[in-house]
């Protein structure tokens, strides 16, 4: 898939980057990536994948933009309040990179639709804020053989990992479902906006690595970020 002269100028820093280059940029352009959730984590994921030139980005979310989102959900603007988050993200992507197509899915992910959603893309990134949905998406990716970049945040902390076909599973990381009291919603305990930026950007980085074949993905490794201590910790599973 050839790059146009404008794309060549747009992605110039990638094209001279050893390990990416023209071949890697063409892989990014050909990729179809699904982002589950257009909130705190989905926002930096969408922004950096669109900027990187991912050809097709599907976004799944059934929520609308509210004022309390704007402290961390950076693809949405004040004048987008009341719009669906997918519609708002679509406007953001169109303004940032006209060479990227955003496929809107204004719906809630559930057991009836998750398999067909995941099956239509090469790679999935899940930034949803509840464990049940994350488990559902992970199991669907496992069943249809799609790699998954999974991230989560709470208060000042976050985590990222990658599940790839043939590698360790979501059930290996979470052999038992945690209690709801162990995973309080951000509406109750809060979240520092910049933490979602750190973790969401790491998720985008893992996706770019998987698509281009660059580096070593976080397969079988959980990367933990402690924002207050400015410290990363890695656990194997």
Protein backbone atom coordinates (compact mmCIF):
# COMPACT_ATOMS: atom_id res chain seq x y z
CA UNK A 1 0.00 0.00 0.00
CA UNK A 2 1.93 3.02 -1.30
CA UNK A 3 2.21 6.25 0.64
CA UNK A 4 1.16 9.49 -1.03
CA UNK A 5 3.59 12.45 -1.15
CA UNK A 6 1.64 14.11 1.67
CA UNK A 7 1.80 10.97 3.78
CA UNK A 8 5.54 10.77 3.14
CA UNK A 9 5.94 14.26 4.58
CA UNK A 10 3.52 13.59 7.45
CA UNK A 11 5.31 10.42 8.57
CA UNK A 12 8.84 11.63 7.81
CA UNK A 13 10.12 10.94 11.34
CA UNK A 14 8.85 7.36 11.12
CA UNK A 15 10.30 6.80 7.68
CA UNK A 16 13.83 7.63 8.83
CA UNK A 17 13.42 5.70 12.08
CA UNK A 18 15.37 2.44 12.09
CA UNK A 19 12.96 -0.39 12.82
CA UNK A 20 9.95 1.38 11.29
CA UNK A 21 10.82 2.93 7.93
CA UNK A 22 8.64 2.66 4.85
CA UNK A 23 7.76 -0.98 5.41
CA UNK A 24 6.62 -0.34 8.97
CA UNK A 25 4.60 2.71 7.96
CA UNK A 26 2.83 0.71 5.28
CA UNK A 27 1.97 -1.93 7.88
CA UNK A 28 0.47 0.79 10.05
CA UNK A 29 -1.52 2.11 7.11
CA UNK A 30 -2.87 -1.37 6.33
CA UNK A 31 -3.79 -2.18 9.92
CA UNK A 32 -7.33 -2.38 11.28
CA UNK A 33 -7.41 -1.73 15.03
CA UNK A 34 -10.37 -1.82 17.41
CA UNK A 35 -10.37 0.47 20.46
CA UNK A 36 -12.87 -0.55 23.12
CA UNK A 37 -13.80 2.56 25.09
CA UNK A 38 -13.26 6.19 24.09
CA UNK A 39 -12.67 7.45 27.62
CA UNK A 40 -9.58 8.15 29.71
CA UNK A 41 -7.42 5.41 28.19
CA UNK A 42 -9.13 5.27 24.81
CA UNK A 43 -8.47 8.96 24.23
CA UNK A 44 -4.64 8.86 24.16
CA UNK A 45 -4.80 5.51 22.38
CA UNK A 46 -6.98 6.98 19.61
CA UNK A 47 -4.87 10.14 19.39
CA UNK A 48 -1.52 8.39 19.03
CA UNK A 49 -2.74 5.62 16.75
CA UNK A 50 -4.35 8.19 14.46
CA UNK A 51 -1.22 10.33 14.48
CA UNK A 52 0.88 7.24 13.69
CA UNK A 53 -1.18 6.54 10.58
CA UNK A 54 -3.19 3.44 11.51
CA UNK A 55 -5.37 3.06 8.43
CA UNK A 56 -8.60 1.97 10.12
CA UNK A 57 -9.52 2.57 13.75
CA UNK A 58 -12.76 1.14 15.06
CA UNK A 59 -14.07 2.78 18.23
CA UNK A 60 -16.70 1.15 20.45
CA UNK A 61 -18.51 3.19 23.11
CA UNK A 62 -22.16 3.85 23.93
CA UNK A 63 -21.59 6.81 26.26
CA UNK A 64 -21.91 10.55 25.63
CA UNK A 65 -19.42 13.29 26.47
CA UNK A 66 -19.99 15.01 29.82
CA UNK A 67 -18.16 17.85 31.52
CA UNK A 68 -16.49 15.58 34.10
CA UNK A 69 -14.85 13.60 31.26
CA UNK A 70 -12.78 16.54 30.06
CA UNK A 71 -10.26 16.38 32.92
CA UNK A 72 -8.68 13.32 31.29
CA UNK A 73 -10.45 12.33 28.03
CA UNK A 74 -8.35 14.48 25.74
CA UNK A 75 -9.97 13.75 22.38
CA UNK A 76 -13.20 15.40 23.56
CA UNK A 77 -13.82 19.15 23.75
CA UNK A 78 -16.16 21.34 25.78
CA UNK A 79 -18.44 21.89 22.81
CA UNK A 80 -18.78 18.10 22.37
CA UNK A 81 -20.85 17.71 25.52
CA UNK A 82 -23.94 15.66 24.75
CA UNK A 83 -22.44 14.06 21.64
CA UNK A 84 -21.60 10.39 21.63
CA UNK A 85 -17.97 9.79 22.48
CA UNK A 86 -17.58 7.91 19.21
CA UNK A 87 -18.87 10.92 17.23
CA UNK A 88 -16.57 13.24 19.18
CA UNK A 89 -13.58 10.96 18.58
CA UNK A 90 -14.45 10.81 14.89
CA UNK A 91 -14.26 14.61 14.67
CA UNK A 92 -10.91 14.61 16.50
CA UNK A 93 -9.39 12.01 14.18
CA UNK A 94 -10.68 13.72 11.04
CA UNK A 95 -9.03 16.97 12.12
CA UNK A 96 -5.77 15.29 13.08
CA UNK A 97 -5.19 12.90 10.18
CA UNK A 98 -7.40 12.72 7.07
CA UNK A 99 -5.65 9.50 6.01
CA UNK A 100 -7.19 7.58 8.92
CA UNK A 101 -10.72 6.13 8.75
CA UNK A 102 -12.58 5.86 12.03
CA UNK A 103 -15.26 3.17 12.08
CA UNK A 104 -17.96 4.11 14.62
CA UNK A 105 -19.62 1.52 16.84
CA UNK A 106 -22.06 3.34 19.12
CA UNK A 107 -23.02 0.41 21.31
CA UNK A 108 -22.24 -1.34 24.56
CA UNK A 109 -20.00 -4.39 24.27
CA UNK A 110 -21.79 -7.51 25.46
CA UNK A 111 -21.78 -11.27 24.97
CA UNK A 112 -23.97 -10.99 21.88
CA UNK A 113 -21.78 -8.65 19.84
CA UNK A 114 -18.23 -8.93 21.17
CA UNK A 115 -17.11 -11.80 18.92
CA UNK A 116 -18.27 -10.14 15.69
CA UNK A 117 -16.69 -6.82 16.71
CA UNK A 118 -13.32 -8.35 17.51
CA UNK A 119 -13.33 -10.60 14.44
CA UNK A 120 -13.48 -7.58 12.12
CA UNK A 121 -10.09 -6.21 13.21
CA UNK A 122 -6.45 -7.27 13.32
CA UNK A 123 -5.74 -6.04 16.85
CA UNK A 124 -7.79 -4.91 19.86
CA UNK A 125 -7.03 -2.38 22.60
CA UNK A 126 -9.25 -2.42 25.67
CA UNK A 127 -9.34 0.61 27.97
CA UNK A 128 -12.71 0.01 29.60
CA UNK A 129 -13.19 0.71 33.28
CA UNK A 130 -14.92 -2.43 34.51
CA UNK A 131 -13.56 -5.91 34.99
CA UNK A 132 -16.50 -7.80 33.46
CA UNK A 133 -16.09 -6.05 30.10
CA UNK A 134 -12.33 -6.49 30.12
CA UNK A 135 -12.76 -10.23 30.74
CA UNK A 136 -15.41 -10.49 28.01
CA UNK A 137 -13.17 -8.75 25.46
CA UNK A 138 -10.14 -10.85 26.44
CA UNK A 139 -12.04 -14.11 26.05
CA UNK A 140 -13.40 -13.03 22.66
CA UNK A 141 -9.89 -12.13 21.46
CA UNK A 142 -8.64 -15.50 22.66
CA UNK A 143 -11.45 -17.34 20.86
CA UNK A 144 -10.94 -15.62 17.49
CA UNK A 145 -7.15 -15.40 17.72
CA UNK A 146 -6.64 -11.66 17.97
CA UNK A 147 -3.88 -9.99 20.01
CA UNK A 148 -5.13 -7.72 22.79
CA UNK A 149 -3.51 -4.75 24.51
CA UNK A 150 -5.20 -4.35 27.89
CA UNK A 151 -4.85 -1.36 30.19
CA UNK A 152 -6.41 -0.13 33.43
CA UNK A 153 -6.05 2.84 35.77
CA UNK A 154 -7.20 3.82 39.26
CA UNK A 155 -6.41 6.95 41.25
CA UNK A 156 -2.63 7.46 40.75
CA UNK A 157 -1.74 4.06 39.30
CA UNK A 158 -2.09 2.06 36.11
CA UNK A 159 -1.14 -1.15 34.35
CA UNK A 160 -0.61 -2.50 30.83
CA UNK A 161 -0.15 -5.96 29.39
CA UNK A 162 -0.49 -7.80 26.06
CA UNK A 163 -2.33 -11.05 25.40
CA UNK A 164 -1.21 -12.68 22.16
CA UNK A 165 -2.48 -15.93 20.60
CA UNK A 166 -0.42 -18.81 21.96
CA UNK A 167 0.75 -16.80 24.97
CA UNK A 168 -0.43 -16.49 28.57
CA UNK A 169 -4.15 -15.84 28.97
CA UNK A 170 -6.31 -13.33 30.81
CA UNK A 171 -7.24 -16.20 33.15
CA UNK A 172 -3.56 -16.69 33.96
CA UNK A 173 -3.32 -13.10 35.15
CA UNK A 174 -6.71 -13.20 36.88
CA UNK A 175 -7.41 -16.80 37.97
CA UNK A 176 -10.24 -15.47 40.14
CA UNK A 177 -12.52 -12.53 39.46
CA UNK A 178 -11.80 -9.73 41.95
CA UNK A 179 -14.55 -8.41 44.19
CA UNK A 180 -16.17 -5.12 43.24
CA UNK A 181 -14.82 -3.56 46.46
CA UNK A 182 -11.30 -4.26 45.21
CA UNK A 183 -11.98 -2.36 41.96
CA UNK A 184 -13.79 0.84 42.93
CA UNK A 185 -15.08 3.02 40.10
CA UNK A 186 -13.23 6.24 39.35
CA UNK A 187 -16.46 8.13 40.11
CA UNK A 188 -15.96 7.06 43.72
CA UNK A 189 -12.19 7.27 44.24
CA UNK A 190 -11.07 9.55 41.40
CA UNK A 191 -8.24 9.31 38.90
CA UNK A 192 -5.46 11.74 38.06
CA UNK A 193 -5.91 12.70 34.43
CA UNK A 194 -2.24 12.47 33.52
CA UNK A 195 -2.13 8.83 34.66
CA UNK A 196 -4.54 7.91 31.86
CA UNK A 197 -2.19 9.68 29.46
CA UNK A 198 0.80 7.65 30.62
CA UNK A 199 -0.97 4.30 30.45
CA UNK A 200 -2.91 5.05 27.26
CA UNK A 201 0.30 6.10 25.49
CA UNK A 202 1.98 2.88 26.61
CA UNK A 203 -0.97 0.96 25.16
CA UNK A 204 -0.57 2.75 21.84
CA UNK A 205 3.14 1.94 21.88
CA UNK A 206 2.42 -1.76 22.38
CA UNK A 207 -0.04 -1.70 19.47
CA UNK A 208 2.50 -0.08 17.16
CA UNK A 209 5.09 -2.68 18.19
CA UNK A 210 2.71 -5.54 17.47
CA UNK A 211 1.79 -4.16 14.05
CA UNK A 212 5.31 -3.35 12.89
CA UNK A 213 7.12 -6.25 14.59
CA UNK A 214 9.27 -3.78 16.50
CA UNK A 215 10.77 -4.68 19.87
CA UNK A 216 9.41 -7.01 22.54
CA UNK A 217 5.71 -6.72 23.43
CA UNK A 218 4.46 -7.03 27.02
CA UNK A 219 3.37 -10.65 26.52
CA UNK A 220 3.26 -12.54 29.82
CA UNK A 221 4.39 -9.35 31.58
CA UNK A 222 2.31 -6.86 33.54
CA UNK A 223 3.78 -3.37 33.60
CA UNK A 224 2.65 -1.43 36.68
CA UNK A 225 2.93 2.35 36.95
CA UNK A 226 2.97 4.14 40.32
CA UNK A 227 2.41 7.80 39.50
CA UNK A 228 3.16 9.13 42.97
CA UNK A 229 6.52 7.37 43.22
CA UNK A 230 7.31 7.81 39.50
CA UNK A 231 8.15 4.13 39.37
CA UNK A 232 7.50 1.25 36.97
CA UNK A 233 7.38 -2.35 38.17
CA UNK A 234 7.14 -5.47 36.01
CA UNK A 235 5.52 -8.73 37.03
CA UNK A 236 5.58 -11.98 35.05
CA UNK A 237 2.57 -14.28 34.78
